Amino acid sequence: MGFPLPDEEWEAHNAEIDMLVDSNLNRIATVYFLENLITMNKYPSAKVLEHYDHLTQDVKNSYPGMLLKEKFDILRQTSVGGIAPDIDLPDVDGNHVTLYSLRGKYVLVDFWASWCRPCREEIPNLKMIYEKYKNQGFEIYSVSLDDKRESWIAAITELDLPWIHVSSLKGWDCPVAKHYNVTGVPKMFLLDPEGKVVAIDLRGEDLEKKVNSFFNI
């Protein structure tokens, strides 16, 4: 999701955003602006958190400021360096599989949906990486944002996806997706064996290189 702008244009927009926020750190209105920035996939979440940290104490202590802090405390968990929150959802057989049950492995948490074309386009790469590293301590934990069980199961079967699949079958109302601030799919979080987020939204060759670096030190 987000506007289809080239990366260089996003960089220019982001620079303007930085200047605007830095010039208004003492205004409560900036709190609402920062809240909106969370949903912009092209604006780094780490920068949003940095801006929040620089707000004046009066703004942080305001009611909107305290509400924003609650959201940002969660955002820190799903940013690089944070410990990803646990996920407890049923798999295709109705058995609950928690994310924390995979501690000790490198895990790719993959938010996707059967109707998502970019998700499907990334599948061949995910299958290649999974087959290459599954016996070395790598796992994929896919969280579907489907709302129809039949569509979800059909896609897993059609695409022959051999890893862990879970879903609330609530679509965009999935509580896990909201907790992870997922505003578009695919959305990927790469975790180390302790559950720490080490990378976000790597795809293609970049994802394969990062996973390879874990096992070829």
N, C-alpha and C. Protein backbone atom coordinates (compact mmCIF):
# COMPACT_ATOMS: atom_id res chain seq x y z
N MET A 1 0.85 -1.18 0.00
CA MET A 1 0.00 0.00 0.00
C MET A 1 0.89 1.24 0.00
N GLY A 2 0.28 2.40 -0.29
CA GLY A 2 1.08 3.60 -0.35
C GLY A 2 1.12 4.12 -1.78
N PHE A 3 1.62 5.34 -1.97
CA PHE A 3 1.64 5.94 -3.29
C PHE A 3 2.75 5.31 -4.13
N PRO A 4 2.47 5.06 -5.44
CA PRO A 4 3.46 4.42 -6.31
C PRO A 4 4.49 5.41 -6.82
N LEU A 5 5.31 5.92 -5.93
CA LEU A 5 6.35 6.87 -6.30
C LEU A 5 7.71 6.20 -6.34
N PRO A 6 8.62 6.69 -7.21
CA PRO A 6 9.99 6.17 -7.22
C PRO A 6 10.67 6.41 -5.89
N ASP A 7 11.68 5.60 -5.59
CA ASP A 7 12.37 5.72 -4.30
C ASP A 7 12.96 7.10 -4.09
N GLU A 8 13.51 7.70 -5.17
CA GLU A 8 14.14 9.01 -5.00
C GLU A 8 13.13 10.08 -4.63
N GLU A 9 11.90 9.95 -5.13
CA GLU A 9 10.86 10.91 -4.75
C GLU A 9 10.44 10.71 -3.31
N TRP A 10 10.38 9.45 -2.87
CA TRP A 10 10.05 9.19 -1.47
C TRP A 10 11.13 9.78 -0.56
N GLU A 11 12.38 9.67 -0.97
CA GLU A 11 13.47 10.22 -0.17
C GLU A 11 13.31 11.73 -0.01
N ALA A 12 12.91 12.40 -1.07
CA ALA A 12 12.70 13.85 -1.01
C ALA A 12 11.54 14.18 -0.08
N HIS A 13 10.44 13.42 -0.20
CA HIS A 13 9.29 13.65 0.67
C HIS A 13 9.66 13.40 2.13
N ASN A 14 10.41 12.35 2.37
CA ASN A 14 10.78 12.02 3.74
C ASN A 14 11.67 13.10 4.36
N ALA A 15 12.53 13.69 3.55
CA ALA A 15 13.38 14.78 4.04
C ALA A 15 12.52 15.97 4.45
N GLU A 16 11.47 16.25 3.67
CA GLU A 16 10.57 17.35 4.03
C GLU A 16 9.81 17.03 5.31
N ILE A 17 9.42 15.77 5.47
CA ILE A 17 8.73 15.35 6.69
C ILE A 17 9.64 15.56 7.89
N ASP A 18 10.90 15.18 7.77
CA ASP A 18 11.86 15.35 8.86
C ASP A 18 11.96 16.82 9.29
N MET A 19 12.06 17.70 8.31
CA MET A 19 12.18 19.14 8.61
C MET A 19 10.92 19.66 9.29
N LEU A 20 9.75 19.20 8.80
CA LEU A 20 8.49 19.66 9.37
C LEU A 20 8.35 19.22 10.82
N VAL A 21 8.65 17.96 11.10
CA VAL A 21 8.52 17.46 12.47
C VAL A 21 9.53 18.14 13.39
N ASP A 22 10.77 18.24 12.94
CA ASP A 22 11.81 18.84 13.78
C ASP A 22 11.51 20.30 14.13
N SER A 23 10.72 20.95 13.30
CA SER A 23 10.37 22.36 13.55
C SER A 23 9.15 22.51 14.45
N ASN A 24 8.50 21.38 14.80
CA ASN A 24 7.27 21.45 15.57
C ASN A 24 7.23 20.43 16.70
N LEU A 25 8.34 20.23 17.34
CA LEU A 25 8.44 19.23 18.41
C LEU A 25 7.69 19.64 19.67
N ASN A 26 7.29 20.90 19.74
CA ASN A 26 6.58 21.39 20.93
C ASN A 26 5.08 21.55 20.70
N ARG A 27 4.56 20.97 19.61
CA ARG A 27 3.15 21.12 19.27
C ARG A 27 2.43 19.77 19.37
N ILE A 28 1.27 19.78 20.01
CA ILE A 28 0.48 18.56 20.16
C ILE A 28 0.03 18.04 18.79
N ALA A 29 -0.17 18.94 17.84
CA ALA A 29 -0.59 18.50 16.50
C ALA A 29 0.41 17.53 15.89
N THR A 30 1.67 17.66 16.28
CA THR A 30 2.71 16.76 15.75
C THR A 30 2.46 15.32 16.17
N VAL A 31 1.81 15.14 17.32
CA VAL A 31 1.48 13.79 17.78
C VAL A 31 0.60 13.09 16.74
N TYR A 32 -0.42 13.79 16.25
CA TYR A 32 -1.33 13.20 15.27
C TYR A 32 -0.61 12.95 13.94
N PHE A 33 0.29 13.82 13.61
CA PHE A 33 1.08 13.67 12.38
C PHE A 33 1.95 12.41 12.47
N LEU A 34 2.61 12.23 13.61
CA LEU A 34 3.46 11.06 13.79
C LEU A 34 2.63 9.77 13.75
N GLU A 35 1.42 9.82 14.29
CA GLU A 35 0.55 8.64 14.28
C GLU A 35 0.23 8.23 12.84
N ASN A 36 0.02 9.22 11.97
CA ASN A 36 -0.25 8.92 10.57
C ASN A 36 0.98 8.37 9.86
N LEU A 37 2.16 8.80 10.27
CA LEU A 37 3.39 8.33 9.64
C LEU A 37 3.59 6.83 9.82
N ILE A 38 3.02 6.27 10.89
CA ILE A 38 3.18 4.84 11.16
C ILE A 38 2.65 4.01 9.99
N THR A 39 1.61 4.50 9.33
CA THR A 39 0.96 3.73 8.25
C THR A 39 1.66 3.90 6.91
N MET A 40 2.67 4.75 6.83
CA MET A 40 3.36 4.97 5.56
C MET A 40 4.51 3.98 5.43
N ASN A 41 4.34 2.99 4.55
CA ASN A 41 5.34 1.94 4.41
C ASN A 41 6.70 2.46 3.95
N LYS A 42 6.70 3.58 3.24
CA LYS A 42 7.96 4.11 2.71
C LYS A 42 8.68 5.03 3.70
N TYR A 43 8.05 5.28 4.83
CA TYR A 43 8.72 6.10 5.85
C TYR A 43 9.18 5.18 6.97
N PRO A 44 10.48 5.17 7.27
CA PRO A 44 11.03 4.20 8.24
C PRO A 44 10.42 4.34 9.63
N SER A 45 9.97 3.23 10.18
CA SER A 45 9.37 3.26 11.52
C SER A 45 10.39 3.72 12.55
N ALA A 46 11.67 3.40 12.32
CA ALA A 46 12.71 3.84 13.25
C ALA A 46 12.78 5.36 13.33
N LYS A 47 12.53 6.03 12.19
CA LYS A 47 12.55 7.49 12.18
C LYS A 47 11.35 8.06 12.94
N VAL A 48 10.20 7.40 12.83
CA VAL A 48 9.02 7.85 13.56
C VAL A 48 9.29 7.78 15.06
N LEU A 49 9.89 6.69 15.49
CA LEU A 49 10.21 6.53 16.91
C LEU A 49 11.22 7.58 17.36
N GLU A 50 12.17 7.87 16.50
CA GLU A 50 13.18 8.89 16.82
C GLU A 50 12.53 10.26 17.00
N HIS A 51 11.60 10.58 16.10
CA HIS A 51 10.88 11.86 16.22
C HIS A 51 10.10 11.91 17.53
N TYR A 52 9.45 10.81 17.88
CA TYR A 52 8.69 10.80 19.14
C TYR A 52 9.61 11.07 20.32
N ASP A 53 10.77 10.45 20.33
CA ASP A 53 11.72 10.63 21.44
C ASP A 53 12.15 12.08 21.59
N HIS A 54 12.10 12.85 20.49
CA HIS A 54 12.55 14.24 20.52
C HIS A 54 11.44 15.24 20.84
N LEU A 55 10.20 14.75 20.96
CA LEU A 55 9.12 15.66 21.35
C LEU A 55 9.40 16.25 22.72
N THR A 56 8.87 17.46 22.95
CA THR A 56 9.05 18.06 24.28
C THR A 56 8.28 17.24 25.31
N GLN A 57 8.69 17.35 26.57
CA GLN A 57 8.05 16.56 27.62
C GLN A 57 6.59 16.94 27.80
N ASP A 58 6.27 18.22 27.62
CA ASP A 58 4.87 18.65 27.74
C ASP A 58 3.99 17.95 26.71
N VAL A 59 4.49 17.81 25.49
CA VAL A 59 3.73 17.13 24.44
C VAL A 59 3.60 15.65 24.78
N LYS A 60 4.67 15.02 25.25
CA LYS A 60 4.62 13.60 25.61
C LYS A 60 3.64 13.35 26.76
N ASN A 61 3.55 14.33 27.67
CA ASN A 61 2.68 14.16 28.84
C ASN A 61 1.22 14.50 28.57
N SER A 62 0.94 15.04 27.39
CA SER A 62 -0.44 15.35 27.03
C SER A 62 -1.21 14.05 26.81
N TYR A 63 -2.54 14.15 26.84
CA TYR A 63 -3.35 12.94 26.63
C TYR A 63 -3.07 12.28 25.28
N PRO A 64 -3.05 13.04 24.17
CA PRO A 64 -2.70 12.43 22.88
C PRO A 64 -1.28 11.84 22.90
N GLY A 65 -0.37 12.53 23.61
CA GLY A 65 1.00 12.04 23.69
C GLY A 65 1.11 10.71 24.41
N MET A 66 0.32 10.56 25.48
CA MET A 66 0.36 9.30 26.23
C MET A 66 -0.28 8.15 25.42
N LEU A 67 -1.34 8.47 24.66
CA LEU A 67 -1.94 7.45 23.80
C LEU A 67 -0.96 7.01 22.72
N LEU A 68 -0.23 7.98 22.18
CA LEU A 68 0.75 7.66 21.15
C LEU A 68 1.87 6.80 21.73
N LYS A 69 2.27 7.07 22.97
CA LYS A 69 3.33 6.28 23.60
C LYS A 69 2.94 4.81 23.66
N GLU A 70 1.67 4.54 23.98
CA GLU A 70 1.21 3.15 24.05
C GLU A 70 1.38 2.47 22.69
N LYS A 71 1.03 3.18 21.62
CA LYS A 71 1.18 2.61 20.28
C LYS A 71 2.64 2.42 19.92
N PHE A 72 3.46 3.39 20.32
CA PHE A 72 4.87 3.32 19.96
C PHE A 72 5.62 2.26 20.76
N ASP A 73 5.14 1.98 21.99
CA ASP A 73 5.76 0.90 22.75
C ASP A 73 5.60 -0.42 22.01
N ILE A 74 4.45 -0.60 21.36
CA ILE A 74 4.22 -1.80 20.56
C ILE A 74 5.06 -1.74 19.28
N LEU A 75 5.12 -0.55 18.66
CA LEU A 75 5.88 -0.39 17.43
C LEU A 75 7.35 -0.73 17.65
N ARG A 76 7.89 -0.39 18.82
CA ARG A 76 9.29 -0.70 19.10
C ARG A 76 9.53 -2.21 19.08
N GLN A 77 8.51 -2.98 19.50
CA GLN A 77 8.67 -4.43 19.51
C GLN A 77 8.80 -4.99 18.10
N THR A 78 8.14 -4.36 17.15
CA THR A 78 8.15 -4.88 15.79
C THR A 78 9.08 -4.12 14.87
N SER A 79 9.96 -3.31 15.45
CA SER A 79 11.00 -2.63 14.69
C SER A 79 12.30 -3.41 14.84
N VAL A 80 13.24 -3.14 13.96
CA VAL A 80 14.53 -3.82 14.03
C VAL A 80 15.15 -3.60 15.41
N GLY A 81 15.54 -4.70 16.05
CA GLY A 81 16.11 -4.64 17.39
C GLY A 81 15.12 -4.99 18.48
N GLY A 82 13.82 -4.94 18.17
CA GLY A 82 12.80 -5.28 19.15
C GLY A 82 12.57 -6.78 19.22
N ILE A 83 11.97 -7.23 20.31
CA ILE A 83 11.59 -8.63 20.46
C ILE A 83 10.16 -8.77 19.97
N ALA A 84 9.97 -9.49 18.87
CA ALA A 84 8.66 -9.62 18.24
C ALA A 84 7.64 -10.22 19.21
N PRO A 85 6.45 -9.65 19.27
CA PRO A 85 5.40 -10.20 20.14
C PRO A 85 5.02 -11.62 19.70
N ASP A 86 4.58 -12.40 20.65
CA ASP A 86 4.16 -13.76 20.32
C ASP A 86 2.90 -13.72 19.46
N ILE A 87 2.72 -14.77 18.68
CA ILE A 87 1.52 -14.95 17.86
C ILE A 87 0.94 -16.31 18.21
N ASP A 88 -0.35 -16.36 18.43
CA ASP A 88 -1.01 -17.63 18.77
C ASP A 88 -2.28 -17.74 17.94
N LEU A 89 -2.17 -18.43 16.80
CA LEU A 89 -3.29 -18.58 15.88
C LEU A 89 -3.40 -20.04 15.42
N PRO A 90 -4.59 -20.46 14.99
CA PRO A 90 -4.75 -21.83 14.52
C PRO A 90 -4.17 -22.05 13.13
N ASP A 91 -3.65 -23.28 12.91
CA ASP A 91 -3.15 -23.65 11.59
C ASP A 91 -4.30 -24.22 10.76
N VAL A 92 -3.97 -24.81 9.63
CA VAL A 92 -5.01 -25.30 8.71
C VAL A 92 -5.83 -26.44 9.32
N ASP A 93 -5.29 -27.11 10.33
CA ASP A 93 -6.01 -28.19 11.00
C ASP A 93 -6.72 -27.74 12.27
N GLY A 94 -6.62 -26.45 12.56
CA GLY A 94 -7.27 -25.93 13.75
C GLY A 94 -6.42 -26.00 15.00
N ASN A 95 -5.18 -26.45 14.87
CA ASN A 95 -4.26 -26.54 16.02
C ASN A 95 -3.49 -25.23 16.17
N HIS A 96 -3.43 -24.71 17.37
CA HIS A 96 -2.73 -23.46 17.59
C HIS A 96 -1.21 -23.67 17.55
N VAL A 97 -0.55 -22.82 16.79
CA VAL A 97 0.91 -22.85 16.69
C VAL A 97 1.42 -21.47 17.05
N THR A 98 2.17 -21.36 18.13
CA THR A 98 2.66 -20.05 18.55
C THR A 98 4.00 -19.73 17.90
N LEU A 99 4.22 -18.46 17.72
CA LEU A 99 5.50 -18.02 17.17
C LEU A 99 6.63 -18.36 18.14
N TYR A 100 6.38 -18.18 19.43
CA TYR A 100 7.43 -18.43 20.42
C TYR A 100 7.82 -19.90 20.50
N SER A 101 6.99 -20.80 19.98
CA SER A 101 7.36 -22.22 19.97
C SER A 101 8.51 -22.49 19.02
N LEU A 102 8.84 -21.50 18.19
CA LEU A 102 9.91 -21.66 17.21
C LEU A 102 11.23 -21.04 17.68
N ARG A 103 11.26 -20.60 18.94
CA ARG A 103 12.50 -20.04 19.48
C ARG A 103 13.64 -21.04 19.29
N GLY A 104 14.81 -20.52 18.96
CA GLY A 104 15.95 -21.39 18.67
C GLY A 104 16.20 -21.49 17.17
N LYS A 105 15.23 -21.00 16.37
CA LYS A 105 15.37 -21.00 14.92
C LYS A 105 15.33 -19.57 14.39
N TYR A 106 15.90 -19.38 13.22
CA TYR A 106 15.69 -18.14 12.49
C TYR A 106 14.32 -18.27 11.83
N VAL A 107 13.47 -17.27 11.99
CA VAL A 107 12.10 -17.37 11.52
C VAL A 107 11.73 -16.16 10.65
N LEU A 108 11.12 -16.45 9.52
CA LEU A 108 10.55 -15.39 8.70
C LEU A 108 9.05 -15.35 8.97
N VAL A 109 8.59 -14.28 9.60
CA VAL A 109 7.16 -14.08 9.82
C VAL A 109 6.62 -13.38 8.58
N ASP A 110 5.77 -14.07 7.85
CA ASP A 110 5.31 -13.62 6.54
C ASP A 110 3.81 -13.36 6.55
N PHE A 111 3.43 -12.07 6.55
CA PHE A 111 2.01 -11.71 6.44
C PHE A 111 1.66 -11.67 4.96
N TRP A 112 0.62 -12.42 4.57
CA TRP A 112 0.27 -12.54 3.16
C TRP A 112 -1.24 -12.79 3.04
N ALA A 113 -1.70 -13.02 1.81
CA ALA A 113 -3.10 -13.40 1.57
C ALA A 113 -3.18 -14.07 0.20
N SER A 114 -4.15 -14.94 0.06
CA SER A 114 -4.29 -15.69 -1.20
C SER A 114 -4.56 -14.78 -2.38
N TRP A 115 -5.19 -13.62 -2.13
CA TRP A 115 -5.56 -12.68 -3.20
C TRP A 115 -4.46 -11.68 -3.53
N CYS A 116 -3.35 -11.76 -2.84
CA CYS A 116 -2.28 -10.76 -2.97
C CYS A 116 -1.29 -11.16 -4.07
N ARG A 117 -1.30 -10.44 -5.18
CA ARG A 117 -0.41 -10.78 -6.29
C ARG A 117 1.07 -10.64 -5.94
N PRO A 118 1.50 -9.53 -5.29
CA PRO A 118 2.92 -9.45 -4.91
C PRO A 118 3.35 -10.59 -3.99
N CYS A 119 2.43 -11.05 -3.13
CA CYS A 119 2.74 -12.19 -2.26
C CYS A 119 3.03 -13.42 -3.10
N ARG A 120 2.19 -13.68 -4.07
CA ARG A 120 2.35 -14.84 -4.94
C ARG A 120 3.63 -14.74 -5.76
N GLU A 121 3.98 -13.53 -6.17
CA GLU A 121 5.19 -13.35 -6.97
C GLU A 121 6.45 -13.66 -6.17
N GLU A 122 6.37 -13.50 -4.86
CA GLU A 122 7.53 -13.77 -4.00
C GLU A 122 7.63 -15.23 -3.61
N ILE A 123 6.56 -16.02 -3.83
CA ILE A 123 6.53 -17.42 -3.41
C ILE A 123 7.70 -18.25 -3.94
N PRO A 124 8.04 -18.19 -5.23
CA PRO A 124 9.18 -19.00 -5.71
C PRO A 124 10.47 -18.73 -4.94
N ASN A 125 10.70 -17.48 -4.59
CA ASN A 125 11.89 -17.14 -3.83
C ASN A 125 11.82 -17.72 -2.42
N LEU A 126 10.65 -17.62 -1.79
CA LEU A 126 10.49 -18.17 -0.45
C LEU A 126 10.68 -19.68 -0.45
N LYS A 127 10.15 -20.36 -1.47
CA LYS A 127 10.29 -21.81 -1.55
C LYS A 127 11.75 -22.21 -1.73
N MET A 128 12.48 -21.44 -2.54
CA MET A 128 13.90 -21.72 -2.74
C MET A 128 14.67 -21.57 -1.44
N ILE A 129 14.42 -20.47 -0.72
CA ILE A 129 15.11 -20.22 0.53
C ILE A 129 14.75 -21.27 1.58
N TYR A 130 13.48 -21.61 1.65
CA TYR A 130 13.03 -22.60 2.62
C TYR A 130 13.69 -23.95 2.38
N GLU A 131 13.68 -24.40 1.15
CA GLU A 131 14.28 -25.71 0.84
C GLU A 131 15.78 -25.71 1.12
N LYS A 132 16.41 -24.59 0.92
CA LYS A 132 17.87 -24.50 1.09
C LYS A 132 18.28 -24.48 2.55
N TYR A 133 17.44 -23.88 3.42
CA TYR A 133 17.89 -23.66 4.80
C TYR A 133 17.00 -24.32 5.87
N LYS A 134 15.95 -25.02 5.48
CA LYS A 134 15.03 -25.58 6.47
C LYS A 134 15.70 -26.58 7.40
N ASN A 135 16.71 -27.25 6.93
CA ASN A 135 17.41 -28.24 7.76
C ASN A 135 18.56 -27.64 8.55
N GLN A 136 18.74 -26.33 8.42
CA GLN A 136 19.83 -25.65 9.13
C GLN A 136 19.31 -24.77 10.27
N GLY A 137 18.00 -24.79 10.49
CA GLY A 137 17.46 -23.99 11.58
C GLY A 137 16.68 -22.78 11.11
N PHE A 138 16.05 -22.90 9.93
CA PHE A 138 15.26 -21.79 9.38
C PHE A 138 13.81 -22.25 9.20
N GLU A 139 12.86 -21.36 9.55
CA GLU A 139 11.44 -21.68 9.41
C GLU A 139 10.69 -20.46 8.89
N ILE A 140 9.60 -20.73 8.19
CA ILE A 140 8.70 -19.66 7.74
C ILE A 140 7.37 -19.84 8.47
N TYR A 141 6.88 -18.74 9.03
CA TYR A 141 5.62 -18.74 9.78
C TYR A 141 4.71 -17.75 9.07
N SER A 142 3.82 -18.26 8.24
CA SER A 142 2.98 -17.40 7.41
C SER A 142 1.64 -17.12 8.09
N VAL A 143 1.32 -15.84 8.19
CA VAL A 143 0.06 -15.40 8.78
C VAL A 143 -0.82 -14.86 7.65
N SER A 144 -1.91 -15.56 7.35
CA SER A 144 -2.77 -15.15 6.26
C SER A 144 -3.81 -14.11 6.71
N LEU A 145 -4.03 -13.12 5.84
CA LEU A 145 -5.08 -12.13 6.09
C LEU A 145 -6.32 -12.44 5.27
N ASP A 146 -6.46 -13.70 4.91
CA ASP A 146 -7.69 -14.13 4.25
C ASP A 146 -8.85 -14.10 5.24
N ASP A 147 -10.06 -14.00 4.72
CA ASP A 147 -11.25 -14.11 5.58
C ASP A 147 -12.12 -15.29 5.17
N LYS A 148 -11.67 -16.04 4.16
CA LYS A 148 -12.39 -17.23 3.72
C LYS A 148 -11.46 -18.44 3.80
N ARG A 149 -11.81 -19.40 4.62
CA ARG A 149 -10.98 -20.57 4.81
C ARG A 149 -10.72 -21.31 3.48
N GLU A 150 -11.74 -21.42 2.65
CA GLU A 150 -11.59 -22.16 1.40
C GLU A 150 -10.51 -21.54 0.51
N SER A 151 -10.50 -20.21 0.41
CA SER A 151 -9.51 -19.52 -0.42
C SER A 151 -8.11 -19.69 0.14
N TRP A 152 -8.00 -19.62 1.45
CA TRP A 152 -6.71 -19.78 2.13
C TRP A 152 -6.15 -21.18 1.88
N ILE A 153 -6.93 -22.21 2.14
CA ILE A 153 -6.48 -23.59 1.97
C ILE A 153 -6.15 -23.88 0.50
N ALA A 154 -7.00 -23.37 -0.40
CA ALA A 154 -6.79 -23.61 -1.84
C ALA A 154 -5.45 -23.02 -2.30
N ALA A 155 -5.12 -21.83 -1.81
CA ALA A 155 -3.86 -21.19 -2.21
C ALA A 155 -2.66 -21.97 -1.69
N ILE A 156 -2.73 -22.45 -0.45
CA ILE A 156 -1.63 -23.23 0.11
C ILE A 156 -1.42 -24.50 -0.70
N THR A 157 -2.52 -25.14 -1.09
CA THR A 157 -2.44 -26.37 -1.88
C THR A 157 -1.95 -26.10 -3.30
N GLU A 158 -2.52 -25.09 -3.92
CA GLU A 158 -2.15 -24.74 -5.30
C GLU A 158 -0.68 -24.37 -5.42
N LEU A 159 -0.19 -23.57 -4.46
CA LEU A 159 1.19 -23.09 -4.51
C LEU A 159 2.17 -24.06 -3.87
N ASP A 160 1.64 -25.11 -3.23
CA ASP A 160 2.46 -26.16 -2.61
C ASP A 160 3.43 -25.54 -1.59
N LEU A 161 2.85 -24.95 -0.56
CA LEU A 161 3.64 -24.24 0.45
C LEU A 161 3.85 -25.13 1.66
N PRO A 162 5.08 -25.59 1.91
CA PRO A 162 5.33 -26.62 2.92
C PRO A 162 5.59 -26.14 4.34
N TRP A 163 5.55 -24.85 4.59
CA TRP A 163 5.89 -24.35 5.91
C TRP A 163 4.65 -24.12 6.77
N ILE A 164 4.82 -23.45 7.91
CA ILE A 164 3.73 -23.24 8.87
C ILE A 164 2.78 -22.15 8.39
N HIS A 165 1.47 -22.45 8.46
CA HIS A 165 0.45 -21.49 8.05
C HIS A 165 -0.58 -21.34 9.16
N VAL A 166 -0.85 -20.09 9.54
CA VAL A 166 -1.86 -19.80 10.55
C VAL A 166 -2.72 -18.63 10.07
N SER A 167 -3.91 -18.52 10.64
CA SER A 167 -4.78 -17.40 10.28
C SER A 167 -5.91 -17.27 11.29
N SER A 168 -6.33 -16.03 11.51
CA SER A 168 -7.53 -15.77 12.31
C SER A 168 -8.77 -15.81 11.42
N LEU A 169 -8.53 -15.77 10.08
CA LEU A 169 -9.61 -15.70 9.08
C LEU A 169 -10.53 -14.51 9.31
N LYS A 170 -9.93 -13.42 9.77
CA LYS A 170 -10.68 -12.18 9.99
C LYS A 170 -10.25 -11.06 9.04
N GLY A 171 -9.48 -11.42 8.01
CA GLY A 171 -9.04 -10.40 7.06
C GLY A 171 -8.24 -9.31 7.74
N TRP A 172 -8.54 -8.06 7.37
CA TRP A 172 -7.81 -6.93 7.93
C TRP A 172 -8.15 -6.67 9.39
N ASP A 173 -9.15 -7.37 9.91
CA ASP A 173 -9.48 -7.25 11.33
C ASP A 173 -8.66 -8.23 12.18
N CYS A 174 -7.73 -8.91 11.56
CA CYS A 174 -6.87 -9.84 12.29
C CYS A 174 -6.14 -9.08 13.41
N PRO A 175 -6.33 -9.47 14.67
CA PRO A 175 -5.70 -8.75 15.78
C PRO A 175 -4.18 -8.79 15.72
N VAL A 176 -3.63 -9.87 15.20
CA VAL A 176 -2.16 -9.97 15.09
C VAL A 176 -1.64 -8.97 14.09
N ALA A 177 -2.31 -8.84 12.95
CA ALA A 177 -1.89 -7.87 11.94
C ALA A 177 -1.93 -6.46 12.49
N LYS A 178 -2.96 -6.15 13.28
CA LYS A 178 -3.04 -4.83 13.89
C LYS A 178 -1.91 -4.61 14.90
N HIS A 179 -1.62 -5.66 15.68
CA HIS A 179 -0.56 -5.55 16.68
C HIS A 179 0.80 -5.33 16.02
N TYR A 180 0.99 -5.94 14.86
CA TYR A 180 2.24 -5.81 14.13
C TYR A 180 2.24 -4.61 13.18
N ASN A 181 1.16 -3.82 13.24
CA ASN A 181 1.02 -2.63 12.40
C ASN A 181 1.16 -2.97 10.91
N VAL A 182 0.53 -4.05 10.50
CA VAL A 182 0.56 -4.46 9.10
C VAL A 182 -0.52 -3.69 8.35
N THR A 183 -0.10 -2.83 7.43
CA THR A 183 -1.04 -2.02 6.65
C THR A 183 -1.05 -2.42 5.18
N GLY A 184 -0.23 -3.39 4.82
CA GLY A 184 -0.17 -3.88 3.45
C GLY A 184 0.55 -5.21 3.42
N VAL A 185 0.27 -6.02 2.42
CA VAL A 185 0.95 -7.31 2.27
C VAL A 185 1.57 -7.39 0.88
N PRO A 186 2.69 -8.13 0.77
CA PRO A 186 3.35 -8.88 1.84
C PRO A 186 4.07 -7.97 2.83
N LYS A 187 4.14 -8.44 4.07
CA LYS A 187 4.89 -7.77 5.13
C LYS A 187 5.68 -8.84 5.84
N MET A 188 7.00 -8.67 5.92
CA MET A 188 7.86 -9.72 6.45
C MET A 188 8.77 -9.21 7.55
N PHE A 189 8.89 -10.04 8.59
CA PHE A 189 9.78 -9.76 9.71
C PHE A 189 10.72 -10.96 9.86
N LEU A 190 12.01 -10.72 9.79
CA LEU A 190 12.99 -11.78 9.95
C LEU A 190 13.52 -11.75 11.38
N LEU A 191 13.37 -12.89 12.08
CA LEU A 191 13.72 -12.97 13.50
C LEU A 191 14.92 -13.87 13.72
N ASP A 192 15.74 -13.54 14.74
CA ASP A 192 16.84 -14.41 15.10
C ASP A 192 16.34 -15.46 16.10
N PRO A 193 17.18 -16.39 16.54
CA PRO A 193 16.71 -17.46 17.43
C PRO A 193 16.15 -16.99 18.77
N GLU A 194 16.47 -15.76 19.19
CA GLU A 194 15.92 -15.21 20.43
C GLU A 194 14.63 -14.44 20.19
N GLY A 195 14.19 -14.37 18.95
CA GLY A 195 12.96 -13.66 18.63
C GLY A 195 13.15 -12.19 18.34
N LYS A 196 14.40 -11.75 18.20
CA LYS A 196 14.67 -10.34 17.91
C LYS A 196 14.50 -10.08 16.41
N VAL A 197 13.87 -8.95 16.08
CA VAL A 197 13.71 -8.56 14.69
C VAL A 197 15.06 -8.08 14.14
N VAL A 198 15.54 -8.76 13.11
CA VAL A 198 16.84 -8.39 12.53
C VAL A 198 16.69 -7.72 11.17
N ALA A 199 15.54 -7.88 10.54
CA ALA A 199 15.30 -7.23 9.24
C ALA A 199 13.81 -7.22 8.96
N ILE A 200 13.39 -6.23 8.17
CA ILE A 200 11.98 -6.10 7.81
C ILE A 200 11.86 -5.89 6.30
N ASP A 201 10.92 -6.61 5.70
CA ASP A 201 10.54 -6.42 4.30
C ASP A 201 11.67 -6.66 3.30
N LEU A 202 12.56 -7.58 3.61
CA LEU A 202 13.53 -8.00 2.60
C LEU A 202 12.84 -8.97 1.65
N ARG A 203 13.16 -8.86 0.38
CA ARG A 203 12.58 -9.76 -0.61
C ARG A 203 13.64 -10.15 -1.63
N GLY A 204 13.30 -11.14 -2.45
CA GLY A 204 14.17 -11.54 -3.54
C GLY A 204 15.57 -11.89 -3.07
N GLU A 205 16.55 -11.43 -3.83
CA GLU A 205 17.95 -11.74 -3.55
C GLU A 205 18.39 -11.18 -2.20
N ASP A 206 17.85 -10.03 -1.80
CA ASP A 206 18.25 -9.44 -0.51
C ASP A 206 17.87 -10.36 0.65
N LEU A 207 16.69 -10.97 0.56
CA LEU A 207 16.25 -11.89 1.61
C LEU A 207 17.13 -13.13 1.64
N GLU A 208 17.43 -13.68 0.48
CA GLU A 208 18.27 -14.88 0.42
C GLU A 208 19.66 -14.61 0.97
N LYS A 209 20.22 -13.46 0.65
CA LYS A 209 21.56 -13.10 1.14
C LYS A 209 21.56 -12.98 2.66
N LYS A 210 20.51 -12.37 3.21
CA LYS A 210 20.46 -12.21 4.66
C LYS A 210 20.33 -13.53 5.36
N VAL A 211 19.46 -14.41 4.88
CA VAL A 211 19.31 -15.72 5.49
C VAL A 211 20.60 -16.52 5.36
N ASN A 212 21.22 -16.44 4.20
CA ASN A 212 22.49 -17.14 3.98
C ASN A 212 23.56 -16.69 4.97
N SER A 213 23.53 -15.40 5.33
CA SER A 213 24.56 -14.88 6.25
C SER A 213 24.44 -15.50 7.64
N PHE A 214 23.27 -15.99 8.00
CA PHE A 214 23.09 -16.62 9.30
C PHE A 214 23.82 -17.96 9.38
N PHE A 215 23.93 -18.64 8.28
CA PHE A 215 24.45 -20.00 8.28
C PHE A 215 25.82 -20.14 7.63
N ASN A 216 26.35 -19.03 7.13
CA ASN A 216 27.68 -19.06 6.51
C ASN A 216 28.54 -17.93 7.06
N ILE A 217 28.74 -17.98 8.36
CA ILE A 217 29.50 -16.94 9.06
C ILE A 217 31.00 -17.18 8.89
